[in-house]
Amino acid sequence: MTAEEIEIENAAITKAYKELLKVSYTTLSDDDKKLIRGAFEVALDGHKNQRRKSGEAYIFHPLAVAKIVAQEIG
């Protein structure tokens, strides 16, 4: 990947993370936000070299699942 592609992908990952927080931002305590941030950082590090068959960074999958859980369960 080129530096520009990496920058674009990192921006998309950040956007997905922010969308996750936005879903339940009003109901999260500061401790909840810290836990979510910690989980995000662990997942980001754990999946940093993984790609889906489509070529997409794997981290998008756990972020999408977390967003669904936040929307459906709260």
PDB file of N, CA and C in Angstrom:
ATOM      1  N   MET A   1       0.842  -1.186   0.000  1.00  0.00           N
ATOM      2  CA  MET A   1       0.000   0.000   0.000  1.00  0.00           C
ATOM      3  C   MET A   1       0.886   1.248   0.000  1.00  0.00           C
ATOM      4  N   THR A   2       0.409   2.238  -0.682  1.00  0.00           N
ATOM      5  CA  THR A   2       1.139   3.499  -0.701  1.00  0.00           C
ATOM      6  C   THR A   2       0.840   4.268   0.587  1.00  0.00           C
ATOM      7  N   ALA A   3       1.639   5.266   0.859  1.00  0.00           N
ATOM      8  CA  ALA A   3       1.424   6.102   2.040  1.00  0.00           C
ATOM      9  C   ALA A   3       0.054   6.770   1.980  1.00  0.00           C
ATOM     10  N   GLU A   4      -0.343   7.183   0.794  1.00  0.00           N
ATOM     11  CA  GLU A   4      -1.659   7.822   0.637  1.00  0.00           C
ATOM     12  C   GLU A   4      -2.786   6.833   0.928  1.00  0.00           C
ATOM     13  N   GLU A   5      -2.657   5.607   0.451  1.00  0.00           N
ATOM     14  CA  GLU A   5      -3.680   4.587   0.699  1.00  0.00           C
ATOM     15  C   GLU A   5      -3.772   4.259   2.187  1.00  0.00           C
ATOM     16  N   ILE A   6      -2.629   4.204   2.843  1.00  0.00           N
ATOM     17  CA  ILE A   6      -2.612   3.940   4.286  1.00  0.00           C
ATOM     18  C   ILE A   6      -3.294   5.076   5.033  1.00  0.00           C
ATOM     19  N   GLU A   7      -3.020   6.297   4.628  1.00  0.00           N
ATOM     20  CA  GLU A   7      -3.643   7.465   5.257  1.00  0.00           C
ATOM     21  C   GLU A   7      -5.159   7.445   5.072  1.00  0.00           C
ATOM     22  N   ILE A   8      -5.607   7.102   3.887  1.00  0.00           N
ATOM     23  CA  ILE A   8      -7.048   7.027   3.601  1.00  0.00           C
ATOM     24  C   ILE A   8      -7.695   5.924   4.434  1.00  0.00           C
ATOM     25  N   GLU A   9      -7.029   4.778   4.509  1.00  0.00           N
ATOM     26  CA  GLU A   9      -7.566   3.668   5.287  1.00  0.00           C
ATOM     27  C   GLU A   9      -7.621   4.024   6.774  1.00  0.00           C
ATOM     28  N   ASN A  10      -6.579   4.648   7.288  1.00  0.00           N
ATOM     29  CA  ASN A  10      -6.570   5.056   8.697  1.00  0.00           C
ATOM     30  C   ASN A  10      -7.693   6.047   8.993  1.00  0.00           C
ATOM     31  N   ALA A  11      -7.959   6.944   8.074  1.00  0.00           N
ATOM     32  CA  ALA A  11      -9.064   7.896   8.242  1.00  0.00           C
ATOM     33  C   ALA A  11     -10.399   7.155   8.271  1.00  0.00           C
ATOM     34  N   ALA A  12     -10.545   6.142   7.444  1.00  0.00           N
ATOM     35  CA  ALA A  12     -11.787   5.351   7.419  1.00  0.00           C
ATOM     36  C   ALA A  12     -11.954   4.558   8.718  1.00  0.00           C
ATOM     37  N   ILE A  13     -10.856   4.030   9.254  1.00  0.00           N
ATOM     38  CA  ILE A  13     -10.914   3.302  10.526  1.00  0.00           C
ATOM     39  C   ILE A  13     -11.327   4.251  11.644  1.00  0.00           C
ATOM     40  N   THR A  14     -10.746   5.426  11.667  1.00  0.00           N
ATOM     41  CA  THR A  14     -11.098   6.427  12.672  1.00  0.00           C
ATOM     42  C   THR A  14     -12.565   6.814  12.558  1.00  0.00           C
ATOM     43  N   LYS A  15     -13.040   6.970  11.347  1.00  0.00           N
ATOM     44  CA  LYS A  15     -14.451   7.315  11.122  1.00  0.00           C
ATOM     45  C   LYS A  15     -15.368   6.207  11.639  1.00  0.00           C
ATOM     46  N   ALA A  16     -15.017   4.959  11.367  1.00  0.00           N
ATOM     47  CA  ALA A  16     -15.827   3.828  11.832  1.00  0.00           C
ATOM     48  C   ALA A  16     -15.856   3.780  13.361  1.00  0.00           C
ATOM     49  N   TYR A  17     -14.725   4.052  13.994  1.00  0.00           N
ATOM     50  CA  TYR A  17     -14.658   4.079  15.454  1.00  0.00           C
ATOM     51  C   TYR A  17     -15.545   5.190  16.002  1.00  0.00           C
ATOM     52  N   LYS A  18     -15.482   6.366  15.412  1.00  0.00           N
ATOM     53  CA  LYS A  18     -16.296   7.495  15.867  1.00  0.00           C
ATOM     54  C   LYS A  18     -17.780   7.212  15.675  1.00  0.00           C
ATOM     55  N   GLU A  19     -18.133   6.522  14.593  1.00  0.00           N
ATOM     56  CA  GLU A  19     -19.533   6.158  14.360  1.00  0.00           C
ATOM     57  C   GLU A  19     -20.015   5.187  15.428  1.00  0.00           C
ATOM     58  N   LEU A  20     -19.134   4.282  15.851  1.00  0.00           N
ATOM     59  CA  LEU A  20     -19.483   3.362  16.931  1.00  0.00           C
ATOM     60  C   LEU A  20     -19.798   4.137  18.202  1.00  0.00           C
ATOM     61  N   LEU A  21     -18.948   5.077  18.553  1.00  0.00           N
ATOM     62  CA  LEU A  21     -19.193   5.871  19.761  1.00  0.00           C
ATOM     63  C   LEU A  21     -20.459   6.709  19.647  1.00  0.00           C
ATOM     64  N   LYS A  22     -20.701   7.222  18.467  1.00  0.00           N
ATOM     65  CA  LYS A  22     -21.863   8.093  18.232  1.00  0.00           C
ATOM     66  C   LYS A  22     -23.182   7.362  18.477  1.00  0.00           C
ATOM     67  N   VAL A  23     -23.205   6.071  18.190  1.00  0.00           N
ATOM     68  CA  VAL A  23     -24.425   5.275  18.339  1.00  0.00           C
ATOM     69  C   VAL A  23     -24.952   5.318  19.767  1.00  0.00           C
ATOM     70  N   SER A  24     -24.054   5.253  20.736  1.00  0.00           N
ATOM     71  CA  SER A  24     -24.513   5.210  22.130  1.00  0.00           C
ATOM     72  C   SER A  24     -23.799   6.221  23.015  1.00  0.00           C
ATOM     73  N   TYR A  25     -23.307   7.287  22.424  1.00  0.00           N
ATOM     74  CA  TYR A  25     -22.505   8.263  23.156  1.00  0.00           C
ATOM     75  C   TYR A  25     -23.226   8.811  24.385  1.00  0.00           C
ATOM     76  N   THR A  26     -24.504   9.088  24.271  1.00  0.00           N
ATOM     77  CA  THR A  26     -25.229   9.713  25.381  1.00  0.00           C
ATOM     78  C   THR A  26     -25.416   8.770  26.560  1.00  0.00           C
ATOM     79  N   THR A  27     -25.331   7.467  26.340  1.00  0.00           N
ATOM     80  CA  THR A  27     -25.540   6.513  27.427  1.00  0.00           C
ATOM     81  C   THR A  27     -24.240   5.988  28.024  1.00  0.00           C
ATOM     82  N   LEU A  28     -23.109   6.378  27.461  1.00  0.00           N
ATOM     83  CA  LEU A  28     -21.833   5.865  27.942  1.00  0.00           C
ATOM     84  C   LEU A  28     -21.268   6.714  29.074  1.00  0.00           C
ATOM     85  N   SER A  29     -20.799   6.033  30.105  1.00  0.00           N
ATOM     86  CA  SER A  29     -20.078   6.740  31.167  1.00  0.00           C
ATOM     87  C   SER A  29     -18.642   6.953  30.699  1.00  0.00           C
ATOM     88  N   ASP A  30     -17.909   7.760  31.424  1.00  0.00           N
ATOM     89  CA  ASP A  30     -16.498   7.971  31.081  1.00  0.00           C
ATOM     90  C   ASP A  30     -15.721   6.652  31.156  1.00  0.00           C
ATOM     91  N   ASP A  31     -16.062   5.820  32.152  1.00  0.00           N
ATOM     92  CA  ASP A  31     -15.400   4.519  32.273  1.00  0.00           C
ATOM     93  C   ASP A  31     -15.721   3.627  31.077  1.00  0.00           C
ATOM     94  N   ASP A  32     -16.985   3.668  30.620  1.00  0.00           N
ATOM     95  CA  ASP A  32     -17.368   2.895  29.433  1.00  0.00           C
ATOM     96  C   ASP A  32     -16.558   3.337  28.219  1.00  0.00           C
ATOM     97  N   LYS A  33     -16.425   4.637  28.059  1.00  0.00           N
ATOM     98  CA  LYS A  33     -15.675   5.178  26.918  1.00  0.00           C
ATOM     99  C   LYS A  33     -14.218   4.732  26.968  1.00  0.00           C
ATOM    100  N   LYS A  34     -13.644   4.693  28.167  1.00  0.00           N
ATOM    101  CA  LYS A  34     -12.268   4.231  28.321  1.00  0.00           C
ATOM    102  C   LYS A  34     -12.144   2.752  27.974  1.00  0.00           C
ATOM    103  N   LEU A  35     -13.132   1.950  28.402  1.00  0.00           N
ATOM    104  CA  LEU A  35     -13.114   0.521  28.088  1.00  0.00           C
ATOM    105  C   LEU A  35     -13.227   0.282  26.584  1.00  0.00           C
ATOM    106  N   ILE A  36     -14.117   1.032  25.943  1.00  0.00           N
ATOM    107  CA  ILE A  36     -14.284   0.891  24.499  1.00  0.00           C
ATOM    108  C   ILE A  36     -13.007   1.313  23.785  1.00  0.00           C
ATOM    109  N   ARG A  37     -12.410   2.386  24.223  1.00  0.00           N
ATOM    110  CA  ARG A  37     -11.153   2.846  23.603  1.00  0.00           C
ATOM    111  C   ARG A  37     -10.054   1.792  23.775  1.00  0.00           C
ATOM    112  N   GLY A  38      -9.979   1.205  24.966  1.00  0.00           N
ATOM    113  CA  GLY A  38      -8.997   0.156  25.210  1.00  0.00           C
ATOM    114  C   GLY A  38      -9.227  -1.059  24.334  1.00  0.00           C
ATOM    115  N   ALA A  39     -10.490  -1.467  24.208  1.00  0.00           N
ATOM    116  CA  ALA A  39     -10.829  -2.604  23.357  1.00  0.00           C
ATOM    117  C   ALA A  39     -10.499  -2.308  21.896  1.00  0.00           C
ATOM    118  N   PHE A  40     -10.781  -1.083  21.472  1.00  0.00           N
ATOM    119  CA  PHE A  40     -10.458  -0.679  20.101  1.00  0.00           C
ATOM    120  C   PHE A  40      -8.957  -0.759  19.861  1.00  0.00           C
ATOM    121  N   GLU A  41      -8.172  -0.258  20.791  1.00  0.00           N
ATOM    122  CA  GLU A  41      -6.722  -0.285  20.627  1.00  0.00           C
ATOM    123  C   GLU A  41      -6.173  -1.711  20.593  1.00  0.00           C
ATOM    124  N   VAL A  42      -6.721  -2.587  21.443  1.00  0.00           N
ATOM    125  CA  VAL A  42      -6.300  -3.998  21.442  1.00  0.00           C
ATOM    126  C   VAL A  42      -6.661  -4.649  20.109  1.00  0.00           C
ATOM    127  N   ALA A  43      -7.887  -4.415  19.639  1.00  0.00           N
ATOM    128  CA  ALA A  43      -8.326  -4.992  18.363  1.00  0.00           C
ATOM    129  C   ALA A  43      -7.514  -4.441  17.201  1.00  0.00           C
ATOM    130  N   LEU A  44      -7.250  -3.154  17.226  1.00  0.00           N
ATOM    131  CA  LEU A  44      -6.469  -2.529  16.160  1.00  0.00           C
ATOM    132  C   LEU A  44      -5.073  -3.138  16.102  1.00  0.00           C
ATOM    133  N   ASP A  45      -4.442  -3.300  17.258  1.00  0.00           N
ATOM    134  CA  ASP A  45      -3.109  -3.901  17.302  1.00  0.00           C
ATOM    135  C   ASP A  45      -3.165  -5.376  16.919  1.00  0.00           C
ATOM    136  N   GLY A  46      -4.160  -6.089  17.420  1.00  0.00           N
ATOM    137  CA  GLY A  46      -4.269  -7.521  17.153  1.00  0.00           C
ATOM    138  C   GLY A  46      -4.546  -7.859  15.697  1.00  0.00           C
ATOM    139  N   HIS A  47      -5.196  -6.951  14.996  1.00  0.00           N
ATOM    140  CA  HIS A  47      -5.570  -7.198  13.600  1.00  0.00           C
ATOM    141  C   HIS A  47      -4.783  -6.343  12.614  1.00  0.00           C
ATOM    142  N   LYS A  48      -3.717  -5.693  13.080  1.00  0.00           N
ATOM    143  CA  LYS A  48      -3.011  -4.713  12.245  1.00  0.00           C
ATOM    144  C   LYS A  48      -2.484  -5.273  10.932  1.00  0.00           C
ATOM    145  N   ASN A  49      -2.142  -6.519  10.889  1.00  0.00           N
ATOM    146  CA  ASN A  49      -1.604  -7.099   9.651  1.00  0.00           C
ATOM    147  C   ASN A  49      -2.594  -8.020   8.941  1.00  0.00           C
ATOM    148  N   GLN A  50      -3.828  -8.053   9.421  1.00  0.00           N
ATOM    149  CA  GLN A  50      -4.818  -8.944   8.832  1.00  0.00           C
ATOM    150  C   GLN A  50      -5.689  -8.210   7.818  1.00  0.00           C
ATOM    151  N   ARG A  51      -5.989  -8.919   6.753  1.00  0.00           N
ATOM    152  CA  ARG A  51      -6.856  -8.393   5.691  1.00  0.00           C
ATOM    153  C   ARG A  51      -7.898  -9.444   5.356  1.00  0.00           C
ATOM    154  N   ARG A  52      -9.064  -8.975   4.970  1.00  0.00           N
ATOM    155  CA  ARG A  52     -10.118  -9.880   4.500  1.00  0.00           C
ATOM    156  C   ARG A  52      -9.799 -10.263   3.057  1.00  0.00           C
ATOM    157  N   LYS A  53     -10.503 -11.244   2.524  1.00  0.00           N
ATOM    158  CA  LYS A  53     -10.276 -11.655   1.134  1.00  0.00           C
ATOM    159  C   LYS A  53     -10.438 -10.492   0.169  1.00  0.00           C
ATOM    160  N   SER A  54     -11.309  -9.568   0.535  1.00  0.00           N
ATOM    161  CA  SER A  54     -11.562  -8.395  -0.316  1.00  0.00           C
ATOM    162  C   SER A  54     -10.379  -7.430  -0.322  1.00  0.00           C
ATOM    163  N   GLY A  55      -9.461  -7.605   0.623  1.00  0.00           N
ATOM    164  CA  GLY A  55      -8.327  -6.696   0.751  1.00  0.00           C
ATOM    165  C   GLY A  55      -8.537  -5.648   1.829  1.00  0.00           C
ATOM    166  N   GLU A  56      -9.761  -5.553   2.328  1.00  0.00           N
ATOM    167  CA  GLU A  56     -10.100  -4.584   3.366  1.00  0.00           C
ATOM    168  C   GLU A  56      -9.401  -4.962   4.681  1.00  0.00           C
ATOM    169  N   ALA A  57      -8.997  -3.965   5.442  1.00  0.00           N
ATOM    170  CA  ALA A  57      -8.403  -4.211   6.753  1.00  0.00           C
ATOM    171  C   ALA A  57      -9.413  -4.947   7.629  1.00  0.00           C
ATOM    172  N   TYR A  58      -8.973  -5.972   8.341  1.00  0.00           N
ATOM    173  CA  TYR A  58      -9.882  -6.796   9.139  1.00  0.00           C
ATOM    174  C   TYR A  58     -10.577  -6.006  10.246  1.00  0.00           C
ATOM    175  N   ILE A  59      -9.947  -4.957  10.755  1.00  0.00           N
ATOM    176  CA  ILE A  59     -10.500  -4.194  11.872  1.00  0.00           C
ATOM    177  C   ILE A  59     -11.897  -3.653  11.580  1.00  0.00           C
ATOM    178  N   PHE A  60     -12.221  -3.475  10.315  1.00  0.00           N
ATOM    179  CA  PHE A  60     -13.561  -2.985   9.978  1.00  0.00           C
ATOM    180  C   PHE A  60     -14.651  -3.962  10.423  1.00  0.00           C
ATOM    181  N   HIS A  61     -14.345  -5.254  10.421  1.00  0.00           N
ATOM    182  CA  HIS A  61     -15.335  -6.250  10.828  1.00  0.00           C
ATOM    183  C   HIS A  61     -15.685  -6.128  12.317  1.00  0.00           C
ATOM    184  N   PRO A  62     -14.692  -6.155  13.229  1.00  0.00           N
ATOM    185  CA  PRO A  62     -15.060  -6.002  14.636  1.00  0.00           C
ATOM    186  C   PRO A  62     -15.730  -4.660  14.949  1.00  0.00           C
ATOM    187  N   LEU A  63     -15.332  -3.615  14.247  1.00  0.00           N
ATOM    188  CA  LEU A  63     -15.992  -2.327  14.450  1.00  0.00           C
ATOM    189  C   LEU A  63     -17.453  -2.381  14.012  1.00  0.00           C
ATOM    190  N   ALA A  64     -17.712  -3.032  12.894  1.00  0.00           N
ATOM    191  CA  ALA A  64     -19.092  -3.153  12.409  1.00  0.00           C
ATOM    192  C   ALA A  64     -19.940  -3.986  13.367  1.00  0.00           C
ATOM    193  N   VAL A  65     -19.371  -5.068  13.880  1.00  0.00           N
ATOM    194  CA  VAL A  65     -20.098  -5.910  14.842  1.00  0.00           C
ATOM    195  C   VAL A  65     -20.391  -5.129  16.115  1.00  0.00           C
ATOM    196  N   ALA A  66     -19.419  -4.383  16.611  1.00  0.00           N
ATOM    197  CA  ALA A  66     -19.613  -3.586  17.820  1.00  0.00           C
ATOM    198  C   ALA A  66     -20.704  -2.546  17.606  1.00  0.00           C
ATOM    199  N   LYS A  67     -20.747  -1.955  16.427  1.00  0.00           N
ATOM    200  CA  LYS A  67     -21.782  -0.958  16.138  1.00  0.00           C
ATOM    201  C   LYS A  67     -23.160  -1.598  16.128  1.00  0.00           C
ATOM    202  N   ILE A  68     -23.275  -2.775  15.536  1.00  0.00           N
ATOM    203  CA  ILE A  68     -24.549  -3.488  15.530  1.00  0.00           C
ATOM    204  C   ILE A  68     -24.979  -3.811  16.954  1.00  0.00           C
ATOM    205  N   VAL A  69     -24.062  -4.303  17.758  1.00  0.00           N
ATOM    206  CA  VAL A  69     -24.373  -4.633  19.160  1.00  0.00           C
ATOM    207  C   VAL A  69     -24.839  -3.371  19.896  1.00  0.00           C
ATOM    208  N   ALA A  70     -24.139  -2.263  19.705  1.00  0.00           N
ATOM    209  CA  ALA A  70     -24.520  -1.020  20.369  1.00  0.00           C
ATOM    210  C   ALA A  70     -25.913  -0.561  19.942  1.00  0.00           C
ATOM    211  N   GLN A  71     -26.227  -0.721  18.660  1.00  0.00           N
ATOM    212  CA  GLN A  71     -27.540  -0.298  18.154  1.00  0.00           C
ATOM    213  C   GLN A  71     -28.658  -1.232  18.622  1.00  0.00           C
ATOM    214  N   GLU A  72     -28.393  -2.520  18.609  1.00  0.00           N
ATOM    215  CA  GLU A  72     -29.432  -3.496  18.904  1.00  0.00           C
ATOM    216  C   GLU A  72     -29.605  -3.779  20.403  1.00  0.00           C
ATOM    217  N   ILE A  73     -28.512  -3.757  21.139  1.00  0.00           N
ATOM    218  CA  ILE A  73     -28.567  -4.106  22.560  1.00  0.00           C
ATOM    219  C   ILE A  73     -28.428  -2.881  23.446  1.00  0.00           C
ATOM    220  N   GLY A  74     -27.611  -1.950  23.009  1.00  0.00           N
ATOM    221  CA  GLY A  74     -27.430  -0.734  23.794  1.00  0.00           C
ATOM    222  C   GLY A  74     -26.188  -0.796  24.653  1.00  0.00           C
TER     223      GLY A  74
END
